Each structure stands twice: as C-alpha cells, then as structure tokens.
N, C-alpha and C. Protein backbone atom coordinates (compact mmCIF):
# COMPACT_ATOMS: atom_id res chain seq x y z
N MET A 1 48.36 8.76 -50.08
CA MET A 1 48.59 8.17 -48.78
C MET A 1 47.82 8.95 -47.69
N ILE A 2 47.84 10.26 -47.77
CA ILE A 2 47.11 11.08 -46.81
C ILE A 2 45.61 10.82 -46.95
N GLU A 3 45.14 10.70 -48.17
CA GLU A 3 43.72 10.42 -48.42
C GLU A 3 43.34 9.07 -47.81
N LYS A 4 44.21 8.08 -47.94
CA LYS A 4 43.95 6.75 -47.39
C LYS A 4 43.87 6.82 -45.87
N ASP A 5 44.79 7.55 -45.25
CA ASP A 5 44.78 7.70 -43.79
C ASP A 5 43.50 8.42 -43.33
N ARG A 6 43.10 9.44 -44.08
CA ARG A 6 41.90 10.18 -43.73
C ARG A 6 40.66 9.30 -43.83
N GLN A 7 40.59 8.47 -44.86
CA GLN A 7 39.46 7.56 -45.01
C GLN A 7 39.43 6.52 -43.89
N GLU A 8 40.61 6.02 -43.54
CA GLU A 8 40.69 5.05 -42.43
C GLU A 8 40.25 5.70 -41.12
N GLU A 9 40.66 6.94 -40.92
CA GLU A 9 40.26 7.65 -39.71
C GLU A 9 38.74 7.86 -39.69
N LEU A 10 38.16 8.19 -40.83
CA LEU A 10 36.70 8.36 -40.92
C LEU A 10 35.98 7.05 -40.63
N ARG A 11 36.48 5.95 -41.18
CA ARG A 11 35.86 4.63 -40.91
C ARG A 11 35.98 4.28 -39.43
N SER A 12 37.14 4.55 -38.86
CA SER A 12 37.36 4.27 -37.45
C SER A 12 36.41 5.11 -36.59
N ARG A 13 36.27 6.38 -36.93
CA ARG A 13 35.35 7.26 -36.21
C ARG A 13 33.90 6.76 -36.33
N GLN A 14 33.54 6.34 -37.53
CA GLN A 14 32.17 5.84 -37.76
C GLN A 14 31.92 4.58 -36.95
N ARG A 15 32.93 3.69 -36.88
CA ARG A 15 32.78 2.48 -36.06
C ARG A 15 32.59 2.85 -34.59
N GLY A 16 33.33 3.84 -34.12
CA GLY A 16 33.18 4.31 -32.75
C GLY A 16 31.80 4.88 -32.49
N ILE A 17 31.31 5.66 -33.45
CA ILE A 17 29.96 6.23 -33.33
C ILE A 17 28.92 5.13 -33.31
N ASN A 18 29.07 4.16 -34.21
CA ASN A 18 28.12 3.04 -34.26
C ASN A 18 28.16 2.23 -32.96
N TYR A 19 29.37 2.00 -32.45
CA TYR A 19 29.52 1.24 -31.20
C TYR A 19 28.84 1.98 -30.05
N ALA A 20 29.10 3.29 -29.94
CA ALA A 20 28.49 4.09 -28.87
C ALA A 20 26.97 4.09 -29.00
N SER A 21 26.48 4.18 -30.22
CA SER A 21 25.04 4.17 -30.45
C SER A 21 24.44 2.83 -30.03
N GLU A 22 25.11 1.74 -30.35
CA GLU A 22 24.64 0.40 -29.97
C GLU A 22 24.63 0.24 -28.45
N ILE A 23 25.66 0.74 -27.78
CA ILE A 23 25.71 0.67 -26.31
C ILE A 23 24.56 1.47 -25.71
N ARG A 24 24.31 2.67 -26.22
CA ARG A 24 23.19 3.48 -25.73
C ARG A 24 21.86 2.76 -25.94
N ARG A 25 21.71 2.13 -27.09
CA ARG A 25 20.47 1.39 -27.38
C ARG A 25 20.29 0.25 -26.38
N GLN A 26 21.38 -0.48 -26.09
CA GLN A 26 21.30 -1.59 -25.14
C GLN A 26 20.96 -1.09 -23.74
N ILE A 27 21.56 0.02 -23.34
CA ILE A 27 21.27 0.60 -22.02
C ILE A 27 19.79 0.98 -21.94
N CYS A 28 19.30 1.62 -22.98
CA CYS A 28 17.88 2.03 -23.01
C CYS A 28 16.98 0.80 -22.94
N GLU A 29 17.34 -0.24 -23.68
CA GLU A 29 16.55 -1.48 -23.68
C GLU A 29 16.52 -2.11 -22.29
N LYS A 30 17.68 -2.15 -21.62
CA LYS A 30 17.74 -2.71 -20.26
C LYS A 30 16.89 -1.88 -19.29
N GLU A 31 16.94 -0.57 -19.43
CA GLU A 31 16.12 0.29 -18.56
C GLU A 31 14.64 0.01 -18.78
N GLN A 32 14.23 -0.15 -20.03
CA GLN A 32 12.83 -0.45 -20.33
C GLN A 32 12.43 -1.80 -19.75
N GLU A 33 13.33 -2.79 -19.82
CA GLU A 33 13.05 -4.11 -19.23
C GLU A 33 12.86 -3.99 -17.72
N LYS A 34 13.73 -3.21 -17.07
CA LYS A 34 13.61 -3.03 -15.62
C LYS A 34 12.31 -2.33 -15.25
N ILE A 35 11.93 -1.34 -16.03
CA ILE A 35 10.66 -0.64 -15.78
C ILE A 35 9.49 -1.62 -15.93
N ALA A 36 9.54 -2.45 -16.98
CA ALA A 36 8.46 -3.43 -17.20
C ALA A 36 8.41 -4.43 -16.04
N GLU A 37 9.58 -4.86 -15.55
CA GLU A 37 9.62 -5.80 -14.42
C GLU A 37 9.03 -5.16 -13.17
N ARG A 38 9.38 -3.91 -12.90
CA ARG A 38 8.82 -3.22 -11.72
C ARG A 38 7.31 -3.08 -11.84
N ASN A 39 6.84 -2.72 -13.03
CA ASN A 39 5.40 -2.59 -13.24
C ASN A 39 4.69 -3.93 -13.06
N ALA A 40 5.30 -5.01 -13.57
CA ALA A 40 4.71 -6.34 -13.41
C ALA A 40 4.66 -6.72 -11.93
N PHE A 41 5.73 -6.40 -11.19
CA PHE A 41 5.78 -6.70 -9.77
C PHE A 41 4.69 -5.92 -9.04
N PHE A 42 4.53 -4.65 -9.37
CA PHE A 42 3.49 -3.82 -8.76
C PHE A 42 2.11 -4.37 -9.09
N ASP A 43 1.88 -4.70 -10.36
CA ASP A 43 0.59 -5.24 -10.78
C ASP A 43 0.27 -6.54 -10.05
N GLU A 44 1.29 -7.38 -9.84
CA GLU A 44 1.08 -8.65 -9.12
C GLU A 44 0.66 -8.36 -7.68
N GLY A 45 1.30 -7.37 -7.06
CA GLY A 45 0.92 -6.99 -5.69
C GLY A 45 -0.52 -6.50 -5.62
N VAL A 46 -0.91 -5.68 -6.58
CA VAL A 46 -2.28 -5.17 -6.61
C VAL A 46 -3.25 -6.33 -6.80
N ARG A 47 -2.91 -7.26 -7.70
CA ARG A 47 -3.78 -8.41 -7.96
C ARG A 47 -3.93 -9.27 -6.70
N MET A 48 -2.82 -9.49 -5.99
CA MET A 48 -2.86 -10.31 -4.78
C MET A 48 -3.70 -9.63 -3.69
N GLU A 49 -3.57 -8.31 -3.56
CA GLU A 49 -4.38 -7.58 -2.58
C GLU A 49 -5.86 -7.69 -2.91
N GLU A 50 -6.19 -7.59 -4.19
CA GLU A 50 -7.59 -7.71 -4.61
C GLU A 50 -8.12 -9.11 -4.33
N GLU A 51 -7.31 -10.13 -4.60
CA GLU A 51 -7.73 -11.51 -4.30
C GLU A 51 -7.97 -11.69 -2.81
N ALA A 52 -7.07 -11.13 -1.98
CA ALA A 52 -7.23 -11.24 -0.53
C ALA A 52 -8.50 -10.52 -0.07
N ARG A 53 -8.76 -9.35 -0.65
CA ARG A 53 -9.96 -8.59 -0.29
C ARG A 53 -11.23 -9.38 -0.66
N LEU A 54 -11.24 -9.97 -1.86
CA LEU A 54 -12.41 -10.76 -2.28
C LEU A 54 -12.58 -12.01 -1.43
N ARG A 55 -11.47 -12.65 -1.07
CA ARG A 55 -11.53 -13.83 -0.21
C ARG A 55 -12.12 -13.45 1.15
N HIS A 56 -11.68 -12.32 1.68
CA HIS A 56 -12.19 -11.83 2.96
C HIS A 56 -13.70 -11.56 2.86
N LEU A 57 -14.12 -10.93 1.77
CA LEU A 57 -15.55 -10.66 1.59
C LEU A 57 -16.36 -11.95 1.52
N ARG A 58 -15.84 -12.96 0.81
CA ARG A 58 -16.55 -14.24 0.72
C ARG A 58 -16.65 -14.90 2.09
N LEU A 59 -15.58 -14.84 2.87
CA LEU A 59 -15.61 -15.42 4.21
C LEU A 59 -16.61 -14.67 5.10
N GLU A 60 -16.60 -13.35 5.03
CA GLU A 60 -17.55 -12.57 5.82
C GLU A 60 -18.99 -12.88 5.42
N GLU A 61 -19.23 -13.03 4.13
CA GLU A 61 -20.58 -13.36 3.65
C GLU A 61 -20.99 -14.75 4.14
N ALA A 62 -20.08 -15.72 4.08
CA ALA A 62 -20.38 -17.07 4.56
C ALA A 62 -20.67 -17.05 6.06
N LYS A 63 -19.88 -16.28 6.80
CA LYS A 63 -20.09 -16.18 8.24
C LYS A 63 -21.45 -15.55 8.54
N ARG A 64 -21.78 -14.47 7.83
CA ARG A 64 -23.07 -13.81 8.04
C ARG A 64 -24.22 -14.75 7.70
N ARG A 65 -24.08 -15.51 6.60
CA ARG A 65 -25.13 -16.45 6.19
C ARG A 65 -25.31 -17.55 7.23
N LYS A 66 -24.21 -18.09 7.74
CA LYS A 66 -24.29 -19.15 8.76
C LYS A 66 -24.92 -18.62 10.05
N LEU A 67 -24.54 -17.42 10.45
CA LEU A 67 -25.13 -16.86 11.66
C LEU A 67 -26.62 -16.61 11.47
N ASN A 68 -27.03 -16.18 10.30
CA ASN A 68 -28.46 -16.01 10.02
C ASN A 68 -29.19 -17.35 10.07
N GLU A 69 -28.57 -18.39 9.49
CA GLU A 69 -29.18 -19.73 9.54
C GLU A 69 -29.34 -20.20 10.97
N LEU A 70 -28.31 -19.99 11.79
CA LEU A 70 -28.40 -20.38 13.19
C LEU A 70 -29.49 -19.59 13.90
N ASN A 71 -29.59 -18.33 13.59
CA ASN A 71 -30.61 -17.50 14.22
C ASN A 71 -32.02 -17.96 13.83
N VAL A 72 -32.19 -18.40 12.59
CA VAL A 72 -33.50 -18.91 12.14
C VAL A 72 -33.80 -20.23 12.83
N LEU A 73 -32.81 -21.12 12.91
CA LEU A 73 -33.02 -22.44 13.51
C LEU A 73 -33.16 -22.36 15.03
N HIS A 74 -32.38 -21.48 15.63
CA HIS A 74 -32.36 -21.35 17.10
C HIS A 74 -32.40 -19.87 17.46
N PRO A 75 -33.56 -19.27 17.46
CA PRO A 75 -33.64 -17.84 17.74
C PRO A 75 -33.16 -17.48 19.14
N ASN A 76 -33.33 -18.38 20.10
CA ASN A 76 -32.89 -18.13 21.47
C ASN A 76 -31.64 -18.95 21.77
N LEU A 77 -30.68 -18.88 20.89
CA LEU A 77 -29.46 -19.68 21.02
C LEU A 77 -28.73 -19.38 22.33
N ASP A 78 -28.85 -18.18 22.84
CA ASP A 78 -28.17 -17.82 24.07
C ASP A 78 -28.66 -18.65 25.25
N TYR A 79 -29.87 -19.18 25.18
CA TYR A 79 -30.45 -19.91 26.29
C TYR A 79 -30.29 -21.42 26.16
N LEU A 80 -29.81 -21.90 25.00
CA LEU A 80 -29.63 -23.34 24.83
C LEU A 80 -28.33 -23.79 25.48
N PRO A 81 -28.35 -24.96 26.11
CA PRO A 81 -27.08 -25.49 26.63
C PRO A 81 -26.17 -25.85 25.44
N ILE A 82 -24.89 -25.73 25.64
CA ILE A 82 -23.92 -25.98 24.57
C ILE A 82 -24.02 -27.42 24.07
N SER A 83 -24.18 -28.39 24.95
CA SER A 83 -24.25 -29.79 24.52
C SER A 83 -25.45 -29.99 23.59
N HIS A 84 -26.57 -29.39 23.90
CA HIS A 84 -27.75 -29.50 23.05
C HIS A 84 -27.47 -28.87 21.67
N PHE A 85 -26.80 -27.76 21.68
CA PHE A 85 -26.47 -27.06 20.44
C PHE A 85 -25.61 -27.94 19.54
N TRP A 86 -24.58 -28.58 20.07
CA TRP A 86 -23.69 -29.41 19.26
C TRP A 86 -24.40 -30.66 18.76
N LYS A 87 -25.30 -31.22 19.55
CA LYS A 87 -26.03 -32.41 19.10
C LYS A 87 -26.89 -32.08 17.90
N GLU A 88 -27.53 -30.93 17.92
CA GLU A 88 -28.39 -30.56 16.79
C GLU A 88 -27.58 -30.25 15.54
N LEU A 89 -26.37 -29.78 15.70
CA LEU A 89 -25.53 -29.50 14.54
C LEU A 89 -25.04 -30.77 13.87
N GLU A 90 -24.93 -31.85 14.62
CA GLU A 90 -24.46 -33.11 14.05
C GLU A 90 -25.56 -33.72 13.30
C-alpha cells in the first residue's frame, strides 16, 4: 500500500513537472511570436519610409526634368507674359 501511494505521488509529481514545462514552453512561444510581430512592424515602417523616399526622389527628378524642358523651350521665361506662357503649354 505504501509502495502504491509512493508511485501515485511520483506520477502526480511528474504530471506537475510536465504541466509546468508545457506552460513554460507556451510562454516562450508567445514571447517569440510577439518579438516576430514587433520585428515585422518595424520592417514595415522601414519599407514605408523607403517607399516615401523613393517617391520623393521620383517627384524631384520629374520636377527637375520639367523645369529643364521649360528652360530649353523658353530660356527667358521670366520675361514672357503669363497668358502667353499658358497658351503655349496647351
């Protein structure tokens, strides 16, 4: 009878150890998921900043190209009346 009680106590202890180990594993897994989510969020922010920077560069390049075209077509643009300028653009 004492042997049976001792074996039951050992099984109960082992179940407790297994349960605690499983809980620790789940906690570790959740922490890893949160870290991955934070990293993904950070990476998305970096990607969006890079897209905005490239978009800005493309706009600046287009603006520079258009101003150069205007300068070639109308080198003395400062002296043209505005109405004449808009008519030529149409």
